[in-house]
Amino acid sequence: MNEDDRRLVERIRPLMQRRRGYSEKKMFGGVCFMINGNMCVGPWKGSLIVRLDRQHHEQTQSEPFVLPMDITGRVMKGWATVEPEAMEDDADLTRFCEEAIGFVSGLPPKR
């Protein structure tokens, strides 16, 4: 995990720790924050990956500095990559995390 990702983890962790069902899992060479066993948010090469409702995929992608998530060579609908410019302010980071938490909290728990 690079230094940018470490700093982002330290910004995300306080937002996630207070959530019911919160856990962390090492994935993709970094940390993935989970809710009830479902992937929610995590750092990726200095950016933030967020899990969102697939039905709002196009709307989410239209925001400045928000791109499709493509870490495997294929766009993953229901996920977005939030570039650092979109979350310089803690309020913006919180907004993206809250949106992901809201969606993931409604998914069936995984064991």
N, C-alpha and C. Protein backbone atom coordinates (compact mmCIF):
# COMPACT_ATOMS: atom_id res chain seq x y z
N MET A 1 0.86 -1.17 0.00
CA MET A 1 0.00 0.00 0.00
C MET A 1 0.90 1.23 0.00
N ASN A 2 0.61 2.18 -0.89
CA ASN A 2 1.43 3.38 -0.96
C ASN A 2 1.03 4.40 0.12
N GLU A 3 1.82 5.44 0.26
CA GLU A 3 1.59 6.43 1.31
C GLU A 3 0.26 7.16 1.15
N ASP A 4 -0.13 7.47 -0.09
CA ASP A 4 -1.42 8.12 -0.33
C ASP A 4 -2.56 7.24 0.16
N ASP A 5 -2.46 5.94 -0.10
CA ASP A 5 -3.50 5.01 0.36
C ASP A 5 -3.52 4.92 1.88
N ARG A 6 -2.35 4.92 2.50
CA ARG A 6 -2.29 4.88 3.98
C ARG A 6 -3.00 6.09 4.59
N ARG A 7 -2.72 7.26 4.02
CA ARG A 7 -3.36 8.48 4.53
C ARG A 7 -4.88 8.43 4.33
N LEU A 8 -5.30 7.90 3.19
CA LEU A 8 -6.73 7.80 2.92
C LEU A 8 -7.39 6.81 3.89
N VAL A 9 -6.74 5.71 4.17
CA VAL A 9 -7.27 4.75 5.15
C VAL A 9 -7.48 5.43 6.49
N GLU A 10 -6.53 6.25 6.90
CA GLU A 10 -6.64 6.95 8.19
C GLU A 10 -7.77 7.98 8.19
N ARG A 11 -8.13 8.49 7.03
CA ARG A 11 -9.26 9.41 6.94
C ARG A 11 -10.59 8.65 6.91
N ILE A 12 -10.60 7.48 6.29
CA ILE A 12 -11.82 6.69 6.15
C ILE A 12 -12.18 5.97 7.44
N ARG A 13 -11.19 5.41 8.11
CA ARG A 13 -11.42 4.55 9.27
C ARG A 13 -12.37 5.17 10.31
N PRO A 14 -12.17 6.43 10.73
CA PRO A 14 -13.10 7.00 11.72
C PRO A 14 -14.54 7.09 11.23
N LEU A 15 -14.73 7.24 9.94
CA LEU A 15 -16.08 7.30 9.38
C LEU A 15 -16.76 5.94 9.41
N MET A 16 -15.97 4.89 9.31
CA MET A 16 -16.51 3.53 9.21
C MET A 16 -16.62 2.84 10.56
N GLN A 17 -15.70 3.09 11.47
CA GLN A 17 -15.64 2.35 12.72
C GLN A 17 -16.90 2.44 13.56
N ARG A 18 -17.62 3.51 13.44
CA ARG A 18 -18.81 3.70 14.27
C ARG A 18 -20.04 3.01 13.69
N ARG A 19 -19.89 2.33 12.58
CA ARG A 19 -21.02 1.70 11.89
C ARG A 19 -21.25 0.28 12.38
N ARG A 20 -22.50 -0.07 12.53
CA ARG A 20 -22.86 -1.45 12.86
C ARG A 20 -22.45 -2.35 11.69
N GLY A 21 -21.82 -3.46 11.98
CA GLY A 21 -21.42 -4.41 10.95
C GLY A 21 -20.09 -4.09 10.29
N TYR A 22 -19.38 -3.07 10.79
CA TYR A 22 -18.10 -2.63 10.21
C TYR A 22 -17.01 -3.69 10.37
N SER A 23 -16.20 -3.86 9.34
CA SER A 23 -14.98 -4.66 9.42
C SER A 23 -14.02 -4.17 8.33
N GLU A 24 -12.79 -4.60 8.43
CA GLU A 24 -11.78 -4.30 7.42
C GLU A 24 -11.21 -5.62 6.92
N LYS A 25 -10.86 -5.64 5.65
CA LYS A 25 -10.27 -6.84 5.06
C LYS A 25 -9.17 -6.42 4.11
N LYS A 26 -8.04 -7.11 4.18
CA LYS A 26 -6.96 -6.83 3.23
C LYS A 26 -7.35 -7.39 1.87
N MET A 27 -7.36 -6.49 0.88
CA MET A 27 -7.74 -6.86 -0.49
C MET A 27 -7.02 -5.95 -1.47
N PHE A 28 -6.76 -6.44 -2.65
CA PHE A 28 -6.21 -5.64 -3.74
C PHE A 28 -4.93 -4.90 -3.33
N GLY A 29 -4.16 -5.47 -2.42
CA GLY A 29 -2.94 -4.84 -1.97
C GLY A 29 -3.17 -3.69 -1.01
N GLY A 30 -4.37 -3.60 -0.46
CA GLY A 30 -4.70 -2.53 0.48
C GLY A 30 -5.74 -3.00 1.47
N VAL A 31 -6.60 -2.09 1.86
CA VAL A 31 -7.65 -2.36 2.84
C VAL A 31 -9.00 -2.06 2.20
N CYS A 32 -9.94 -2.98 2.40
CA CYS A 32 -11.31 -2.74 1.97
C CYS A 32 -12.16 -2.63 3.24
N PHE A 33 -12.97 -1.59 3.30
CA PHE A 33 -13.88 -1.41 4.43
C PHE A 33 -15.21 -2.06 4.08
N MET A 34 -15.70 -2.87 5.00
CA MET A 34 -16.88 -3.69 4.76
C MET A 34 -18.00 -3.29 5.73
N ILE A 35 -19.22 -3.54 5.30
CA ILE A 35 -20.40 -3.43 6.17
C ILE A 35 -21.14 -4.75 6.03
N ASN A 36 -21.31 -5.44 7.16
CA ASN A 36 -21.99 -6.74 7.17
C ASN A 36 -21.40 -7.72 6.16
N GLY A 37 -20.08 -7.67 5.97
CA GLY A 37 -19.40 -8.58 5.07
C GLY A 37 -19.42 -8.19 3.61
N ASN A 38 -20.07 -7.08 3.28
CA ASN A 38 -20.14 -6.58 1.90
C ASN A 38 -19.12 -5.47 1.71
N MET A 39 -18.40 -5.52 0.58
CA MET A 39 -17.43 -4.47 0.28
C MET A 39 -18.16 -3.14 0.14
N CYS A 40 -17.53 -2.09 0.69
CA CYS A 40 -18.17 -0.77 0.71
C CYS A 40 -17.27 0.30 0.08
N VAL A 41 -16.13 0.58 0.70
CA VAL A 41 -15.20 1.59 0.21
C VAL A 41 -13.77 1.13 0.47
N GLY A 42 -12.83 1.73 -0.25
CA GLY A 42 -11.42 1.46 0.00
C GLY A 42 -10.53 2.32 -0.87
N PRO A 43 -9.28 2.42 -0.49
CA PRO A 43 -8.33 3.19 -1.30
C PRO A 43 -7.84 2.36 -2.48
N TRP A 44 -7.48 3.05 -3.56
CA TRP A 44 -6.91 2.38 -4.73
C TRP A 44 -6.00 3.38 -5.44
N LYS A 45 -4.71 3.21 -5.26
CA LYS A 45 -3.71 4.06 -5.92
C LYS A 45 -3.98 5.54 -5.72
N GLY A 46 -4.29 5.92 -4.48
CA GLY A 46 -4.53 7.32 -4.14
C GLY A 46 -5.95 7.79 -4.33
N SER A 47 -6.77 6.98 -5.00
CA SER A 47 -8.17 7.31 -5.20
C SER A 47 -9.02 6.49 -4.23
N LEU A 48 -10.30 6.77 -4.21
CA LEU A 48 -11.24 6.05 -3.38
C LEU A 48 -12.16 5.25 -4.29
N ILE A 49 -12.33 3.96 -3.99
CA ILE A 49 -13.33 3.20 -4.71
C ILE A 49 -14.55 3.08 -3.81
N VAL A 50 -15.72 3.29 -4.38
CA VAL A 50 -16.96 3.27 -3.62
C VAL A 50 -17.98 2.38 -4.32
N ARG A 51 -18.75 1.68 -3.51
CA ARG A 51 -19.80 0.82 -4.03
C ARG A 51 -21.12 1.57 -3.94
N LEU A 52 -21.81 1.64 -5.07
CA LEU A 52 -23.04 2.42 -5.16
C LEU A 52 -24.11 1.64 -5.91
N ASP A 53 -25.30 2.11 -5.83
CA ASP A 53 -26.43 1.48 -6.52
C ASP A 53 -26.18 1.46 -8.03
N ARG A 54 -26.26 0.30 -8.62
CA ARG A 54 -26.04 0.16 -10.07
C ARG A 54 -27.00 1.02 -10.89
N GLN A 55 -28.19 1.23 -10.35
CA GLN A 55 -29.20 2.01 -11.08
C GLN A 55 -28.79 3.48 -11.21
N HIS A 56 -27.86 3.92 -10.37
CA HIS A 56 -27.41 5.32 -10.42
C HIS A 56 -26.00 5.43 -10.99
N HIS A 57 -25.54 4.40 -11.67
CA HIS A 57 -24.18 4.35 -12.20
C HIS A 57 -23.86 5.56 -13.08
N GLU A 58 -24.71 5.84 -14.04
CA GLU A 58 -24.45 6.94 -14.98
C GLU A 58 -24.46 8.29 -14.26
N GLN A 59 -25.38 8.48 -13.34
CA GLN A 59 -25.47 9.73 -12.58
C GLN A 59 -24.20 9.94 -11.76
N THR A 60 -23.74 8.90 -11.11
CA THR A 60 -22.53 9.00 -10.29
C THR A 60 -21.32 9.36 -11.16
N GLN A 61 -21.22 8.76 -12.32
CA GLN A 61 -20.08 9.00 -13.20
C GLN A 61 -20.06 10.42 -13.76
N SER A 62 -21.18 11.11 -13.68
CA SER A 62 -21.23 12.47 -14.24
C SER A 62 -20.64 13.52 -13.30
N GLU A 63 -20.33 13.15 -12.06
CA GLU A 63 -19.74 14.10 -11.12
C GLU A 63 -18.29 14.37 -11.48
N PRO A 64 -17.82 15.60 -11.21
CA PRO A 64 -16.41 15.90 -11.49
C PRO A 64 -15.47 14.98 -10.70
N PHE A 65 -14.44 14.51 -11.35
CA PHE A 65 -13.41 13.67 -10.75
C PHE A 65 -13.92 12.31 -10.28
N VAL A 66 -15.05 11.87 -10.79
CA VAL A 66 -15.58 10.53 -10.49
C VAL A 66 -15.59 9.75 -11.80
N LEU A 67 -14.92 8.62 -11.78
CA LEU A 67 -14.73 7.81 -12.98
C LEU A 67 -15.28 6.40 -12.77
N PRO A 68 -15.51 5.69 -13.87
CA PRO A 68 -15.88 4.28 -13.72
C PRO A 68 -14.74 3.51 -13.03
N MET A 69 -15.08 2.53 -12.25
CA MET A 69 -14.06 1.70 -11.62
C MET A 69 -13.64 0.63 -12.61
N ASP A 70 -12.36 0.63 -12.92
CA ASP A 70 -11.81 -0.33 -13.89
C ASP A 70 -10.42 -0.73 -13.42
N ILE A 71 -10.37 -1.72 -12.54
CA ILE A 71 -9.07 -2.20 -12.07
C ILE A 71 -8.73 -3.55 -12.67
N THR A 72 -9.67 -4.11 -13.44
CA THR A 72 -9.46 -5.43 -14.03
C THR A 72 -9.47 -5.41 -15.55
N GLY A 73 -9.61 -4.22 -16.15
CA GLY A 73 -9.73 -4.12 -17.60
C GLY A 73 -11.18 -4.10 -18.05
N ARG A 74 -12.09 -4.12 -17.08
CA ARG A 74 -13.52 -4.10 -17.38
C ARG A 74 -14.21 -3.19 -16.37
N VAL A 75 -15.06 -2.29 -16.85
CA VAL A 75 -15.79 -1.38 -15.96
C VAL A 75 -16.73 -2.19 -15.08
N MET A 76 -16.70 -1.89 -13.79
CA MET A 76 -17.57 -2.58 -12.83
C MET A 76 -18.73 -1.65 -12.48
N LYS A 77 -19.90 -1.94 -13.04
CA LYS A 77 -21.08 -1.12 -12.74
C LYS A 77 -21.42 -1.28 -11.27
N GLY A 78 -21.86 -0.19 -10.68
CA GLY A 78 -22.17 -0.20 -9.26
C GLY A 78 -20.97 0.20 -8.41
N TRP A 79 -19.88 0.51 -9.07
CA TRP A 79 -18.66 0.98 -8.39
C TRP A 79 -18.17 2.23 -9.10
N ALA A 80 -17.49 3.08 -8.36
CA ALA A 80 -16.90 4.28 -8.96
C ALA A 80 -15.54 4.52 -8.33
N THR A 81 -14.69 5.20 -9.08
CA THR A 81 -13.39 5.63 -8.60
C THR A 81 -13.46 7.14 -8.40
N VAL A 82 -13.21 7.56 -7.19
CA VAL A 82 -13.25 8.99 -6.84
C VAL A 82 -11.80 9.47 -6.76
N GLU A 83 -11.44 10.36 -7.66
CA GLU A 83 -10.07 10.87 -7.69
C GLU A 83 -9.81 11.80 -6.51
N PRO A 84 -8.55 11.95 -6.11
CA PRO A 84 -8.21 12.76 -4.94
C PRO A 84 -8.78 14.18 -4.98
N GLU A 85 -8.88 14.78 -6.16
CA GLU A 85 -9.40 16.15 -6.28
C GLU A 85 -10.84 16.27 -5.77
N ALA A 86 -11.59 15.19 -5.81
CA ALA A 86 -12.99 15.21 -5.39
C ALA A 86 -13.17 15.02 -3.89
N MET A 87 -12.09 14.73 -3.19
CA MET A 87 -12.23 14.46 -1.75
C MET A 87 -11.12 15.12 -0.93
N GLU A 88 -10.62 16.25 -1.42
CA GLU A 88 -9.63 16.99 -0.65
C GLU A 88 -10.21 17.46 0.67
N ASP A 89 -11.47 17.83 0.64
CA ASP A 89 -12.19 18.28 1.83
C ASP A 89 -12.80 17.06 2.53
N ASP A 90 -12.71 17.01 3.87
CA ASP A 90 -13.26 15.88 4.61
C ASP A 90 -14.76 15.74 4.41
N ALA A 91 -15.46 16.84 4.22
CA ALA A 91 -16.90 16.78 4.00
C ALA A 91 -17.22 16.03 2.70
N ASP A 92 -16.39 16.22 1.67
CA ASP A 92 -16.61 15.51 0.42
C ASP A 92 -16.32 14.02 0.58
N LEU A 93 -15.24 13.69 1.26
CA LEU A 93 -14.93 12.27 1.53
C LEU A 93 -16.08 11.64 2.31
N THR A 94 -16.57 12.33 3.30
CA THR A 94 -17.68 11.82 4.11
C THR A 94 -18.91 11.58 3.25
N ARG A 95 -19.20 12.50 2.35
CA ARG A 95 -20.38 12.35 1.47
C ARG A 95 -20.28 11.09 0.63
N PHE A 96 -19.13 10.84 0.02
CA PHE A 96 -18.97 9.64 -0.79
C PHE A 96 -19.07 8.38 0.06
N CYS A 97 -18.45 8.39 1.22
CA CYS A 97 -18.52 7.23 2.11
C CYS A 97 -19.94 6.99 2.60
N GLU A 98 -20.64 8.06 2.97
CA GLU A 98 -22.02 7.92 3.45
C GLU A 98 -22.93 7.35 2.37
N GLU A 99 -22.72 7.77 1.14
CA GLU A 99 -23.54 7.24 0.04
C GLU A 99 -23.30 5.74 -0.12
N ALA A 100 -22.04 5.33 -0.06
CA ALA A 100 -21.71 3.91 -0.17
C ALA A 100 -22.26 3.13 1.02
N ILE A 101 -22.10 3.66 2.22
CA ILE A 101 -22.60 3.01 3.42
C ILE A 101 -24.11 2.83 3.34
N GLY A 102 -24.81 3.87 2.89
CA GLY A 102 -26.26 3.80 2.76
C GLY A 102 -26.69 2.68 1.83
N PHE A 103 -26.00 2.54 0.71
CA PHE A 103 -26.35 1.49 -0.23
C PHE A 103 -26.00 0.11 0.33
N VAL A 104 -24.77 -0.05 0.79
CA VAL A 104 -24.30 -1.36 1.25
C VAL A 104 -25.06 -1.83 2.49
N SER A 105 -25.48 -0.91 3.33
CA SER A 105 -26.23 -1.29 4.53
C SER A 105 -27.55 -1.96 4.18
N GLY A 106 -28.07 -1.70 3.01
CA GLY A 106 -29.32 -2.32 2.57
C GLY A 106 -29.16 -3.67 1.91
N LEU A 107 -27.92 -4.12 1.73
CA LEU A 107 -27.68 -5.43 1.12
C LEU A 107 -27.78 -6.54 2.17
N PRO A 108 -28.12 -7.75 1.75
CA PRO A 108 -28.16 -8.86 2.70
C PRO A 108 -26.77 -9.10 3.27
N PRO A 109 -26.67 -9.37 4.58
CA PRO A 109 -25.36 -9.65 5.19
C PRO A 109 -24.70 -10.88 4.58
N LYS A 110 -23.38 -10.86 4.51
CA LYS A 110 -22.61 -12.03 4.08
C LYS A 110 -21.92 -12.60 5.30
N ARG A 111 -21.78 -13.86 5.32
CA ARG A 111 -21.12 -14.51 6.46
C ARG A 111 -19.78 -15.06 6.05
